[in-house]
Amino acid sequence: PLTRAVSGGAADCRVSAAMALRSVAKHEPALLIHGRCMRALAVAAGSDDPVLCGWSISALALAARSAAGCRAVLPSAPALLAALAGEREVACWAADALCAICEHGCGGAFTTMCARRRL
């Protein structure tokens, strides 16, 4: 239900779902990583709504703090890179996620993905 809520519906419901998914990422990241939530969070991270974007990116950053999480967050890299130019707090969360990707050995895959997409 949270994945569907963050993917569509009213703006306040999307934000509430992203907040709940961030809590899951903080306390039980494996539940988030092995579910369908990562793709929904990646889409929400690229949202024009700065609040939804912020909560989604912070959830991705928390999920990326494990080796399995960094691989799951890797497809979100374009949204994370774009967020670096945004609001300070969101940019900090995006930087945290990108650092975790590199720290857990996904840096090579990240570099390859950026080269393919010309980021």
PDB file of N, CA and C in Angstrom:
ATOM      1  N   PRO A   1       0.802  -1.210   0.000  1.00  0.00           N
ATOM      2  CA  PRO A   1       0.000   0.000   0.000  1.00  0.00           C
ATOM      3  C   PRO A   1       0.848   1.279   0.000  1.00  0.00           C
ATOM      4  N   LEU A   2       1.958   1.281   0.728  1.00  0.00           N
ATOM      5  CA  LEU A   2       2.808   2.483   0.756  1.00  0.00           C
ATOM      6  C   LEU A   2       3.449   2.735  -0.598  1.00  0.00           C
ATOM      7  N   THR A   3       3.814   1.675  -1.285  1.00  0.00           N
ATOM      8  CA  THR A   3       4.418   1.842  -2.609  1.00  0.00           C
ATOM      9  C   THR A   3       3.425   2.483  -3.560  1.00  0.00           C
ATOM     10  N   ARG A   4       2.189   2.015  -3.526  1.00  0.00           N
ATOM     11  CA  ARG A   4       1.158   2.612  -4.382  1.00  0.00           C
ATOM     12  C   ARG A   4       0.884   4.052  -3.979  1.00  0.00           C
ATOM     13  N   ALA A   5       0.890   4.319  -2.700  1.00  0.00           N
ATOM     14  CA  ALA A   5       0.595   5.666  -2.219  1.00  0.00           C
ATOM     15  C   ALA A   5       1.672   6.660  -2.614  1.00  0.00           C
ATOM     16  N   VAL A   6       2.936   6.256  -2.556  1.00  0.00           N
ATOM     17  CA  VAL A   6       4.013   7.175  -2.907  1.00  0.00           C
ATOM     18  C   VAL A   6       4.069   7.389  -4.418  1.00  0.00           C
ATOM     19  N   SER A   7       3.517   6.445  -5.175  1.00  0.00           N
ATOM     20  CA  SER A   7       3.557   6.524  -6.636  1.00  0.00           C
ATOM     21  C   SER A   7       2.437   7.363  -7.232  1.00  0.00           C
ATOM     22  N   GLY A   8       1.354   7.522  -6.533  1.00  0.00           N
ATOM     23  CA  GLY A   8       0.234   8.263  -7.101  1.00  0.00           C
ATOM     24  C   GLY A   8      -0.731   8.705  -6.032  1.00  0.00           C
ATOM     25  N   GLY A   9      -1.655   9.507  -6.444  1.00  0.00           N
ATOM     26  CA  GLY A   9      -2.647   9.989  -5.492  1.00  0.00           C
ATOM     27  C   GLY A   9      -2.392  11.435  -5.110  1.00  0.00           C
ATOM     28  N   ALA A  10      -3.078  11.861  -4.086  1.00  0.00           N
ATOM     29  CA  ALA A  10      -2.976  13.247  -3.623  1.00  0.00           C
ATOM     30  C   ALA A  10      -1.580  13.516  -3.062  1.00  0.00           C
ATOM     31  N   ALA A  11      -1.147  14.749  -3.210  1.00  0.00           N
ATOM     32  CA  ALA A  11       0.205  15.135  -2.792  1.00  0.00           C
ATOM     33  C   ALA A  11       0.456  14.843  -1.317  1.00  0.00           C
ATOM     34  N   ASP A  12      -0.507  15.146  -0.450  1.00  0.00           N
ATOM     35  CA  ASP A  12      -0.285  14.912   0.978  1.00  0.00           C
ATOM     36  C   ASP A  12      -0.174  13.422   1.295  1.00  0.00           C
ATOM     37  N   CYS A  13      -0.902  12.583   0.556  1.00  0.00           N
ATOM     38  CA  CYS A  13      -0.790  11.125   0.752  1.00  0.00           C
ATOM     39  C   CYS A  13       0.564  10.625   0.278  1.00  0.00           C
ATOM     40  N   ARG A  14       1.059  11.178  -0.820  1.00  0.00           N
ATOM     41  CA  ARG A  14       2.372  10.767  -1.341  1.00  0.00           C
ATOM     42  C   ARG A  14       3.468  11.115  -0.341  1.00  0.00           C
ATOM     43  N   VAL A  15       3.380  12.295   0.239  1.00  0.00           N
ATOM     44  CA  VAL A  15       4.378  12.726   1.226  1.00  0.00           C
ATOM     45  C   VAL A  15       4.299  11.852   2.474  1.00  0.00           C
ATOM     46  N   SER A  16       3.095  11.582   2.957  1.00  0.00           N
ATOM     47  CA  SER A  16       2.936  10.725   4.136  1.00  0.00           C
ATOM     48  C   SER A  16       3.506   9.338   3.886  1.00  0.00           C
ATOM     49  N   ALA A  17       3.286   8.802   2.699  1.00  0.00           N
ATOM     50  CA  ALA A  17       3.826   7.483   2.359  1.00  0.00           C
ATOM     51  C   ALA A  17       5.349   7.517   2.314  1.00  0.00           C
ATOM     52  N   ALA A  18       5.915   8.579   1.744  1.00  0.00           N
ATOM     53  CA  ALA A  18       7.376   8.710   1.706  1.00  0.00           C
ATOM     54  C   ALA A  18       7.951   8.814   3.114  1.00  0.00           C
ATOM     55  N   MET A  19       7.255   9.528   3.991  1.00  0.00           N
ATOM     56  CA  MET A  19       7.697   9.626   5.390  1.00  0.00           C
ATOM     57  C   MET A  19       7.691   8.254   6.054  1.00  0.00           C
ATOM     58  N   ALA A  20       6.651   7.479   5.808  1.00  0.00           N
ATOM     59  CA  ALA A  20       6.557   6.139   6.393  1.00  0.00           C
ATOM     60  C   ALA A  20       7.652   5.232   5.837  1.00  0.00           C
ATOM     61  N   LEU A  21       7.919   5.322   4.533  1.00  0.00           N
ATOM     62  CA  LEU A  21       8.970   4.508   3.927  1.00  0.00           C
ATOM     63  C   LEU A  21      10.346   4.903   4.453  1.00  0.00           C
ATOM     64  N   ARG A  22      10.523   6.179   4.779  1.00  0.00           N
ATOM     65  CA  ARG A  22      11.789   6.610   5.368  1.00  0.00           C
ATOM     66  C   ARG A  22      11.981   5.954   6.735  1.00  0.00           C
ATOM     67  N   SER A  23      10.906   5.857   7.492  1.00  0.00           N
ATOM     68  CA  SER A  23      10.978   5.196   8.799  1.00  0.00           C
ATOM     69  C   SER A  23      11.335   3.722   8.634  1.00  0.00           C
ATOM     70  N   VAL A  24      10.764   3.081   7.643  1.00  0.00           N
ATOM     71  CA  VAL A  24      11.104   1.686   7.358  1.00  0.00           C
ATOM     72  C   VAL A  24      12.586   1.592   6.980  1.00  0.00           C
ATOM     73  N   ALA A  25      13.059   2.509   6.143  1.00  0.00           N
ATOM     74  CA  ALA A  25      14.464   2.501   5.723  1.00  0.00           C
ATOM     75  C   ALA A  25      15.401   2.669   6.915  1.00  0.00           C
ATOM     76  N   LYS A  26      14.976   3.444   7.880  1.00  0.00           N
ATOM     77  CA  LYS A  26      15.815   3.689   9.056  1.00  0.00           C
ATOM     78  C   LYS A  26      15.864   2.479   9.983  1.00  0.00           C
ATOM     79  N   HIS A  27      14.732   1.819  10.183  1.00  0.00           N
ATOM     80  CA  HIS A  27      14.649   0.761  11.183  1.00  0.00           C
ATOM     81  C   HIS A  27      14.730  -0.658  10.615  1.00  0.00           C
ATOM     82  N   GLU A  28      14.220  -0.874   9.431  1.00  0.00           N
ATOM     83  CA  GLU A  28      14.223  -2.204   8.800  1.00  0.00           C
ATOM     84  C   GLU A  28      14.504  -2.065   7.308  1.00  0.00           C
ATOM     85  N   PRO A  29      15.708  -1.624   6.929  1.00  0.00           N
ATOM     86  CA  PRO A  29      15.985  -1.367   5.512  1.00  0.00           C
ATOM     87  C   PRO A  29      15.811  -2.574   4.600  1.00  0.00           C
ATOM     88  N   ALA A  30      16.009  -3.776   5.117  1.00  0.00           N
ATOM     89  CA  ALA A  30      15.852  -4.973   4.282  1.00  0.00           C
ATOM     90  C   ALA A  30      14.422  -5.088   3.744  1.00  0.00           C
ATOM     91  N   LEU A  31      13.447  -4.665   4.534  1.00  0.00           N
ATOM     92  CA  LEU A  31      12.061  -4.705   4.068  1.00  0.00           C
ATOM     93  C   LEU A  31      11.854  -3.783   2.875  1.00  0.00           C
ATOM     94  N   LEU A  32      12.512  -2.670   2.891  1.00  0.00           N
ATOM     95  CA  LEU A  32      12.401  -1.696   1.817  1.00  0.00           C
ATOM     96  C   LEU A  32      13.166  -2.163   0.586  1.00  0.00           C
ATOM     97  N   ILE A  33      14.350  -2.687   0.800  1.00  0.00           N
ATOM     98  CA  ILE A  33      15.232  -3.078  -0.296  1.00  0.00           C
ATOM     99  C   ILE A  33      14.658  -4.246  -1.080  1.00  0.00           C
ATOM    100  N   HIS A  34      14.096  -5.213  -0.386  1.00  0.00           N
ATOM    101  CA  HIS A  34      13.620  -6.405  -1.060  1.00  0.00           C
ATOM    102  C   HIS A  34      12.170  -6.290  -1.527  1.00  0.00           C
ATOM    103  N   GLY A  35      11.568  -5.178  -1.301  1.00  0.00           N
ATOM    104  CA  GLY A  35      10.211  -4.958  -1.783  1.00  0.00           C
ATOM    105  C   GLY A  35      10.241  -4.161  -3.072  1.00  0.00           C
ATOM    106  N   ARG A  36       9.100  -3.691  -3.472  1.00  0.00           N
ATOM    107  CA  ARG A  36       8.991  -2.899  -4.702  1.00  0.00           C
ATOM    108  C   ARG A  36       9.105  -1.410  -4.435  1.00  0.00           C
ATOM    109  N   CYS A  37       9.480  -1.069  -3.249  1.00  0.00           N
ATOM    110  CA  CYS A  37       9.482   0.331  -2.830  1.00  0.00           C
ATOM    111  C   CYS A  37      10.592   1.159  -3.479  1.00  0.00           C
ATOM    112  N   MET A  38      11.700   0.541  -3.794  1.00  0.00           N
ATOM    113  CA  MET A  38      12.850   1.310  -4.270  1.00  0.00           C
ATOM    114  C   MET A  38      12.542   2.053  -5.572  1.00  0.00           C
ATOM    115  N   ARG A  39      11.861   1.390  -6.478  1.00  0.00           N
ATOM    116  CA  ARG A  39      11.524   2.060  -7.740  1.00  0.00           C
ATOM    117  C   ARG A  39      10.564   3.223  -7.500  1.00  0.00           C
ATOM    118  N   ALA A  40       9.589   3.024  -6.647  1.00  0.00           N
ATOM    119  CA  ALA A  40       8.640   4.096  -6.334  1.00  0.00           C
ATOM    120  C   ALA A  40       9.349   5.276  -5.679  1.00  0.00           C
ATOM    121  N   LEU A  41      10.297   4.986  -4.776  1.00  0.00           N
ATOM    122  CA  LEU A  41      11.057   6.068  -4.145  1.00  0.00           C
ATOM    123  C   LEU A  41      11.946   6.783  -5.157  1.00  0.00           C
ATOM    124  N   ALA A  42      12.505   6.038  -6.095  1.00  0.00           N
ATOM    125  CA  ALA A  42      13.343   6.659  -7.124  1.00  0.00           C
ATOM    126  C   ALA A  42      12.535   7.644  -7.964  1.00  0.00           C
ATOM    127  N   VAL A  43      11.330   7.256  -8.317  1.00  0.00           N
ATOM    128  CA  VAL A  43      10.453   8.147  -9.086  1.00  0.00           C
ATOM    129  C   VAL A  43      10.078   9.365  -8.240  1.00  0.00           C
ATOM    130  N   ALA A  44       9.716   9.126  -7.001  1.00  0.00           N
ATOM    131  CA  ALA A  44       9.331  10.229  -6.115  1.00  0.00           C
ATOM    132  C   ALA A  44      10.508  11.166  -5.846  1.00  0.00           C
ATOM    133  N   ALA A  45      11.731  10.628  -5.844  1.00  0.00           N
ATOM    134  CA  ALA A  45      12.912  11.456  -5.617  1.00  0.00           C
ATOM    135  C   ALA A  45      13.124  12.475  -6.732  1.00  0.00           C
ATOM    136  N   GLY A  46      12.604  12.181  -7.901  1.00  0.00           N
ATOM    137  CA  GLY A  46      12.704  13.121  -9.012  1.00  0.00           C
ATOM    138  C   GLY A  46      11.509  14.049  -9.141  1.00  0.00           C
ATOM    139  N   SER A  47      10.654  14.049  -8.140  1.00  0.00           N
ATOM    140  CA  SER A  47       9.435  14.854  -8.159  1.00  0.00           C
ATOM    141  C   SER A  47       9.726  16.355  -8.110  1.00  0.00           C
ATOM    142  N   ASP A  48       8.794  17.114  -8.653  1.00  0.00           N
ATOM    143  CA  ASP A  48       8.889  18.579  -8.568  1.00  0.00           C
ATOM    144  C   ASP A  48       8.471  19.086  -7.188  1.00  0.00           C
ATOM    145  N   ASP A  49       7.819  18.252  -6.421  1.00  0.00           N
ATOM    146  CA  ASP A  49       7.400  18.617  -5.065  1.00  0.00           C
ATOM    147  C   ASP A  49       8.609  18.477  -4.142  1.00  0.00           C
ATOM    148  N   PRO A  50       9.146  19.585  -3.626  1.00  0.00           N
ATOM    149  CA  PRO A  50      10.366  19.506  -2.830  1.00  0.00           C
ATOM    150  C   PRO A  50      10.211  18.701  -1.538  1.00  0.00           C
ATOM    151  N   VAL A  51       9.028  18.681  -0.967  1.00  0.00           N
ATOM    152  CA  VAL A  51       8.808  17.921   0.270  1.00  0.00           C
ATOM    153  C   VAL A  51       8.830  16.422  -0.033  1.00  0.00           C
ATOM    154  N   LEU A  52       8.119  16.006  -1.065  1.00  0.00           N
ATOM    155  CA  LEU A  52       8.119  14.603  -1.472  1.00  0.00           C
ATOM    156  C   LEU A  52       9.521  14.163  -1.880  1.00  0.00           C
ATOM    157  N   CYS A  53      10.186  15.007  -2.632  1.00  0.00           N
ATOM    158  CA  CYS A  53      11.554  14.727  -3.063  1.00  0.00           C
ATOM    159  C   CYS A  53      12.471  14.544  -1.860  1.00  0.00           C
ATOM    160  N   GLY A  54      12.377  15.420  -0.897  1.00  0.00           N
ATOM    161  CA  GLY A  54      13.233  15.361   0.288  1.00  0.00           C
ATOM    162  C   GLY A  54      13.036  14.097   1.102  1.00  0.00           C
ATOM    163  N   TRP A  55      11.781  13.746   1.373  1.00  0.00           N
ATOM    164  CA  TRP A  55      11.517  12.537   2.152  1.00  0.00           C
ATOM    165  C   TRP A  55      11.964  11.295   1.393  1.00  0.00           C
ATOM    166  N   SER A  56      11.753  11.282   0.094  1.00  0.00           N
ATOM    167  CA  SER A  56      12.137  10.125  -0.716  1.00  0.00           C
ATOM    168  C   SER A  56      13.651   9.964  -0.769  1.00  0.00           C
ATOM    169  N   ILE A  57      14.349  11.061  -0.956  1.00  0.00           N
ATOM    170  CA  ILE A  57      15.809  10.994  -1.024  1.00  0.00           C
ATOM    171  C   ILE A  57      16.403  10.611   0.327  1.00  0.00           C
ATOM    172  N   SER A  58      15.827  11.092   1.414  1.00  0.00           N
ATOM    173  CA  SER A  58      16.346  10.689   2.722  1.00  0.00           C
ATOM    174  C   SER A  58      16.104   9.199   2.957  1.00  0.00           C
ATOM    175  N   ALA A  59      14.975   8.662   2.478  1.00  0.00           N
ATOM    176  CA  ALA A  59      14.727   7.220   2.582  1.00  0.00           C
ATOM    177  C   ALA A  59      15.743   6.440   1.764  1.00  0.00           C
ATOM    178  N   LEU A  60      16.046   6.915   0.565  1.00  0.00           N
ATOM    179  CA  LEU A  60      17.050   6.254  -0.277  1.00  0.00           C
ATOM    180  C   LEU A  60      18.424   6.293   0.383  1.00  0.00           C
ATOM    181  N   ALA A  61      18.756   7.418   0.988  1.00  0.00           N
ATOM    182  CA  ALA A  61      20.061   7.547   1.652  1.00  0.00           C
ATOM    183  C   ALA A  61      20.182   6.567   2.811  1.00  0.00           C
ATOM    184  N   LEU A  62      19.131   6.421   3.592  1.00  0.00           N
ATOM    185  CA  LEU A  62      19.168   5.476   4.711  1.00  0.00           C
ATOM    186  C   LEU A  62      19.260   4.039   4.206  1.00  0.00           C
ATOM    187  N   ALA A  63      18.552   3.733   3.138  1.00  0.00           N
ATOM    188  CA  ALA A  63      18.599   2.380   2.572  1.00  0.00           C
ATOM    189  C   ALA A  63      19.976   2.071   1.997  1.00  0.00           C
ATOM    190  N   ALA A  64      20.663   3.082   1.487  1.00  0.00           N
ATOM    191  CA  ALA A  64      21.964   2.881   0.842  1.00  0.00           C
ATOM    192  C   ALA A  64      23.098   2.592   1.818  1.00  0.00           C
ATOM    193  N   ARG A  65      22.826   2.639   3.094  1.00  0.00           N
ATOM    194  CA  ARG A  65      23.886   2.456   4.094  1.00  0.00           C
ATOM    195  C   ARG A  65      24.318   0.999   4.269  1.00  0.00           C
ATOM    196  N   SER A  66      23.711   0.090   3.540  1.00  0.00           N
ATOM    197  CA  SER A  66      24.148  -1.312   3.552  1.00  0.00           C
ATOM    198  C   SER A  66      24.583  -1.681   2.140  1.00  0.00           C
ATOM    199  N   ALA A  67      25.340  -2.759   2.012  1.00  0.00           N
ATOM    200  CA  ALA A  67      25.815  -3.182   0.694  1.00  0.00           C
ATOM    201  C   ALA A  67      24.642  -3.524  -0.229  1.00  0.00           C
ATOM    202  N   ALA A  68      23.660  -4.250   0.287  1.00  0.00           N
ATOM    203  CA  ALA A  68      22.490  -4.587  -0.527  1.00  0.00           C
ATOM    204  C   ALA A  68      21.706  -3.331  -0.875  1.00  0.00           C
ATOM    205  N   GLY A  69      21.647  -2.426   0.070  1.00  0.00           N
ATOM    206  CA  GLY A  69      20.919  -1.184  -0.154  1.00  0.00           C
ATOM    207  C   GLY A  69      21.546  -0.323  -1.222  1.00  0.00           C
ATOM    208  N   CYS A  70      22.875  -0.252  -1.246  1.00  0.00           N
ATOM    209  CA  CYS A  70      23.513   0.615  -2.241  1.00  0.00           C
ATOM    210  C   CYS A  70      23.235   0.101  -3.643  1.00  0.00           C
ATOM    211  N   ARG A  71      23.201  -1.208  -3.828  1.00  0.00           N
ATOM    212  CA  ARG A  71      22.874  -1.759  -5.152  1.00  0.00           C
ATOM    213  C   ARG A  71      21.423  -1.440  -5.522  1.00  0.00           C
ATOM    214  N   ALA A  72      20.540  -1.458  -4.544  1.00  0.00           N
ATOM    215  CA  ALA A  72      19.133  -1.163  -4.801  1.00  0.00           C
ATOM    216  C   ALA A  72      18.910   0.322  -5.092  1.00  0.00           C
ATOM    217  N   VAL A  73      19.745   1.178  -4.508  1.00  0.00           N
ATOM    218  CA  VAL A  73      19.615   2.628  -4.689  1.00  0.00           C
ATOM    219  C   VAL A  73      20.280   3.101  -5.983  1.00  0.00           C
ATOM    220  N   LEU A  74      21.200   2.328  -6.505  1.00  0.00           N
ATOM    221  CA  LEU A  74      21.968   2.725  -7.691  1.00  0.00           C
ATOM    222  C   LEU A  74      21.116   3.253  -8.849  1.00  0.00           C
ATOM    223  N   PRO A  75      19.979   2.632  -9.193  1.00  0.00           N
ATOM    224  CA  PRO A  75      19.158   3.181 -10.282  1.00  0.00           C
ATOM    225  C   PRO A  75      18.610   4.585 -10.001  1.00  0.00           C
ATOM    226  N   SER A  76      18.644   5.006  -8.749  1.00  0.00           N
ATOM    227  CA  SER A  76      18.160   6.336  -8.372  1.00  0.00           C
ATOM    228  C   SER A  76      19.234   7.413  -8.538  1.00  0.00           C
ATOM    229  N   ALA A  77      20.416   7.032  -8.969  1.00  0.00           N
ATOM    230  CA  ALA A  77      21.529   7.978  -9.051  1.00  0.00           C
ATOM    231  C   ALA A  77      21.218   9.237  -9.857  1.00  0.00           C
ATOM    232  N   PRO A  78      20.522   9.163 -10.996  1.00  0.00           N
ATOM    233  CA  PRO A  78      20.225  10.417 -11.714  1.00  0.00           C
ATOM    234  C   PRO A  78      19.427  11.409 -10.864  1.00  0.00           C
ATOM    235  N   ALA A  79      18.435  10.912 -10.123  1.00  0.00           N
ATOM    236  CA  ALA A  79      17.652  11.799  -9.254  1.00  0.00           C
ATOM    237  C   ALA A  79      18.516  12.331  -8.118  1.00  0.00           C
ATOM    238  N   LEU A  80      19.417  11.495  -7.599  1.00  0.00           N
ATOM    239  CA  LEU A  80      20.295  11.928  -6.512  1.00  0.00           C
ATOM    240  C   LEU A  80      21.265  13.003  -6.999  1.00  0.00           C
ATOM    241  N   LEU A  81      21.816  12.815  -8.190  1.00  0.00           N
ATOM    242  CA  LEU A  81      22.726  13.820  -8.750  1.00  0.00           C
ATOM    243  C   LEU A  81      22.004  15.141  -8.982  1.00  0.00           C
ATOM    244  N   ALA A  82      20.778  15.072  -9.493  1.00  0.00           N
ATOM    245  CA  ALA A  82      19.999  16.296  -9.719  1.00  0.00           C
ATOM    246  C   ALA A  82      19.694  17.002  -8.409  1.00  0.00           C
ATOM    247  N   ALA A  83      19.482  16.228  -7.357  1.00  0.00           N
ATOM    248  CA  ALA A  83      19.144  16.810  -6.050  1.00  0.00           C
ATOM    249  C   ALA A  83      20.311  17.557  -5.423  1.00  0.00           C
ATOM    250  N   LEU A  84      21.521  17.285  -5.861  1.00  0.00           N
ATOM    251  CA  LEU A  84      22.674  17.998  -5.304  1.00  0.00           C
ATOM    252  C   LEU A  84      22.585  19.503  -5.530  1.00  0.00           C
ATOM    253  N   ALA A  85      21.857  19.900  -6.553  1.00  0.00           N
ATOM    254  CA  ALA A  85      21.711  21.321  -6.858  1.00  0.00           C
ATOM    255  C   ALA A  85      20.473  21.937  -6.192  1.00  0.00           C
ATOM    256  N   GLY A  86      19.759  21.155  -5.413  1.00  0.00           N
ATOM    257  CA  GLY A  86      18.524  21.629  -4.800  1.00  0.00           C
ATOM    258  C   GLY A  86      18.724  22.223  -3.424  1.00  0.00           C
ATOM    259  N   GLU A  87      17.665  22.156  -2.641  1.00  0.00           N
ATOM    260  CA  GLU A  87      17.693  22.690  -1.285  1.00  0.00           C
ATOM    261  C   GLU A  87      18.789  22.001  -0.471  1.00  0.00           C
ATOM    262  N   ARG A  88      19.343  22.720   0.474  1.00  0.00           N
ATOM    263  CA  ARG A  88      20.515  22.246   1.207  1.00  0.00           C
ATOM    264  C   ARG A  88      20.295  20.894   1.891  1.00  0.00           C
ATOM    265  N   GLU A  89      19.200  20.754   2.616  1.00  0.00           N
ATOM    266  CA  GLU A  89      18.968  19.507   3.343  1.00  0.00           C
ATOM    267  C   GLU A  89      18.804  18.330   2.390  1.00  0.00           C
ATOM    268  N   VAL A  90      18.069  18.543   1.295  1.00  0.00           N
ATOM    269  CA  VAL A  90      17.876  17.488   0.299  1.00  0.00           C
ATOM    270  C   VAL A  90      19.215  17.152  -0.359  1.00  0.00           C
ATOM    271  N   ALA A  91      20.001  18.178  -0.655  1.00  0.00           N
ATOM    272  CA  ALA A  91      21.317  17.953  -1.263  1.00  0.00           C
ATOM    273  C   ALA A  91      22.222  17.149  -0.331  1.00  0.00           C
ATOM    274  N   CYS A  92      22.127  17.401   0.962  1.00  0.00           N
ATOM    275  CA  CYS A  92      22.928  16.641   1.934  1.00  0.00           C
ATOM    276  C   CYS A  92      22.530  15.174   1.952  1.00  0.00           C
ATOM    277  N   TRP A  93      21.219  14.893   1.911  1.00  0.00           N
ATOM    278  CA  TRP A  93      20.760  13.508   1.877  1.00  0.00           C
ATOM    279  C   TRP A  93      21.210  12.837   0.579  1.00  0.00           C
ATOM    280  N   ALA A  94      21.136  13.567  -0.525  1.00  0.00           N
ATOM    281  CA  ALA A  94      21.570  13.005  -1.814  1.00  0.00           C
ATOM    282  C   ALA A  94      23.062  12.688  -1.775  1.00  0.00           C
ATOM    283  N   ALA A  95      23.841  13.581  -1.213  1.00  0.00           N
ATOM    284  CA  ALA A  95      25.282  13.345  -1.085  1.00  0.00           C
ATOM    285  C   ALA A  95      25.552  12.140  -0.190  1.00  0.00           C
ATOM    286  N   ASP A  96      24.786  12.008   0.879  1.00  0.00           N
ATOM    287  CA  ASP A  96      24.923  10.860   1.776  1.00  0.00           C
ATOM    288  C   ASP A  96      24.676   9.555   1.013  1.00  0.00           C
ATOM    289  N   ALA A  97      23.632   9.524   0.197  1.00  0.00           N
ATOM    290  CA  ALA A  97      23.315   8.323  -0.582  1.00  0.00           C
ATOM    291  C   ALA A  97      24.409   8.020  -1.602  1.00  0.00           C
ATOM    292  N   LEU A  98      24.897   9.050  -2.286  1.00  0.00           N
ATOM    293  CA  LEU A  98      25.944   8.845  -3.289  1.00  0.00           C
ATOM    294  C   LEU A  98      27.244   8.378  -2.641  1.00  0.00           C
ATOM    295  N   CYS A  99      27.567   8.907  -1.487  1.00  0.00           N
ATOM    296  CA  CYS A  99      28.758   8.448  -0.753  1.00  0.00           C
ATOM    297  C   CYS A  99      28.610   6.988  -0.336  1.00  0.00           C
ATOM    298  N   ALA A 100      27.424   6.602   0.100  1.00  0.00           N
ATOM    299  CA  ALA A 100      27.185   5.212   0.498  1.00  0.00           C
ATOM    300  C   ALA A 100      27.336   4.279  -0.700  1.00  0.00           C
ATOM    301  N   ILE A 101      26.876   4.714  -1.859  1.00  0.00           N
ATOM    302  CA  ILE A 101      27.023   3.907  -3.077  1.00  0.00           C
ATOM    303  C   ILE A 101      28.504   3.638  -3.336  1.00  0.00           C
ATOM    304  N   CYS A 102      29.310   4.657  -3.230  1.00  0.00           N
ATOM    305  CA  CYS A 102      30.751   4.502  -3.463  1.00  0.00           C
ATOM    306  C   CYS A 102      31.425   3.711  -2.341  1.00  0.00           C
ATOM    307  N   GLU A 103      31.006   3.947  -1.117  1.00  0.00           N
ATOM    308  CA  GLU A 103      31.610   3.289   0.038  1.00  0.00           C
ATOM    309  C   GLU A 103      31.403   1.777   0.031  1.00  0.00           C
ATOM    310  N   HIS A 104      30.277   1.328  -0.475  1.00  0.00           N
ATOM    311  CA  HIS A 104      29.959  -0.093  -0.443  1.00  0.00           C
ATOM    312  C   HIS A 104      30.356  -0.820  -1.719  1.00  0.00           C
ATOM    313  N   GLY A 105      31.240  -0.237  -2.490  1.00  0.00           N
ATOM    314  CA  GLY A 105      31.770  -0.931  -3.656  1.00  0.00           C
ATOM    315  C   GLY A 105      30.927  -0.857  -4.908  1.00  0.00           C
ATOM    316  N   CYS A 106      29.949   0.013  -4.929  1.00  0.00           N
ATOM    317  CA  CYS A 106      29.125   0.169  -6.133  1.00  0.00           C
ATOM    318  C   CYS A 106      29.610   1.332  -6.985  1.00  0.00           C
ATOM    319  N   GLY A 107      30.745   1.907  -6.619  1.00  0.00           N
ATOM    320  CA  GLY A 107      31.258   3.075  -7.339  1.00  0.00           C
ATOM    321  C   GLY A 107      31.539   2.796  -8.795  1.00  0.00           C
ATOM    322  N   GLY A 108      32.060   1.610  -9.099  1.00  0.00           N
ATOM    323  CA  GLY A 108      32.340   1.253 -10.494  1.00  0.00           C
ATOM    324  C   GLY A 108      31.063   1.197 -11.312  1.00  0.00           C
ATOM    325  N   ALA A 109      30.037   0.573 -10.755  1.00  0.00           N
ATOM    326  CA  ALA A 109      28.756   0.496 -11.444  1.00  0.00           C
ATOM    327  C   ALA A 109      28.146   1.885 -11.599  1.00  0.00           C
ATOM    328  N   PHE A 110      28.344   2.722 -10.599  1.00  0.00           N
ATOM    329  CA  PHE A 110      27.848   4.097 -10.649  1.00  0.00           C
ATOM    330  C   PHE A 110      28.537   4.865 -11.779  1.00  0.00           C
ATOM    331  N   THR A 111      29.855   4.738 -11.879  1.00  0.00           N
ATOM    332  CA  THR A 111      30.610   5.423 -12.925  1.00  0.00           C
ATOM    333  C   THR A 111      30.167   4.946 -14.303  1.00  0.00           C
ATOM    334  N   THR A 112      30.001   3.633 -14.463  1.00  0.00           N
ATOM    335  CA  THR A 112      29.556   3.072 -15.737  1.00  0.00           C
ATOM    336  C   THR A 112      28.171   3.590 -16.101  1.00  0.00           C
ATOM    337  N   MET A 113      27.257   3.606 -15.123  1.00  0.00           N
ATOM    338  CA  MET A 113      25.911   4.095 -15.386  1.00  0.00           C
ATOM    339  C   MET A 113      25.926   5.567 -15.809  1.00  0.00           C
ATOM    340  N   CYS A 114      26.725   6.381 -15.124  1.00  0.00           N
ATOM    341  CA  CYS A 114      26.814   7.795 -15.463  1.00  0.00           C
ATOM    342  C   CYS A 114      27.371   7.988 -16.872  1.00  0.00           C
ATOM    343  N   ALA A 115      28.358   7.190 -17.234  1.00  0.00           N
ATOM    344  CA  ALA A 115      28.940   7.297 -18.577  1.00  0.00           C
ATOM    345  C   ALA A 115      27.918   6.914 -19.644  1.00  0.00           C
ATOM    346  N   ARG A 116      27.155   5.858 -19.393  1.00  0.00           N
ATOM    347  CA  ARG A 116      26.140   5.420 -20.371  1.00  0.00           C
ATOM    348  C   ARG A 116      25.038   6.450 -20.543  1.00  0.00           C
ATOM    349  N   ARG A 117      24.674   7.084 -19.448  1.00  0.00           N
ATOM    350  CA  ARG A 117      23.593   8.069 -19.512  1.00  0.00           C
ATOM    351  C   ARG A 117      24.117   9.481 -19.753  1.00  0.00           C
ATOM    352  N   ARG A 118      25.409   9.602 -19.816  1.00  0.00           N
ATOM    353  CA  ARG A 118      26.078  10.900 -20.031  1.00  0.00           C
ATOM    354  C   ARG A 118      25.678  11.927 -18.972  1.00  0.00           C
ATOM    355  N   LEU A 119      25.791  11.489 -17.731  1.00  0.00           N
ATOM    356  CA  LEU A 119      25.459  12.368 -16.599  1.00  0.00           C
ATOM    357  C   LEU A 119      26.679  13.141 -16.175  1.00  0.00           C
TER     358      LEU A 119
END
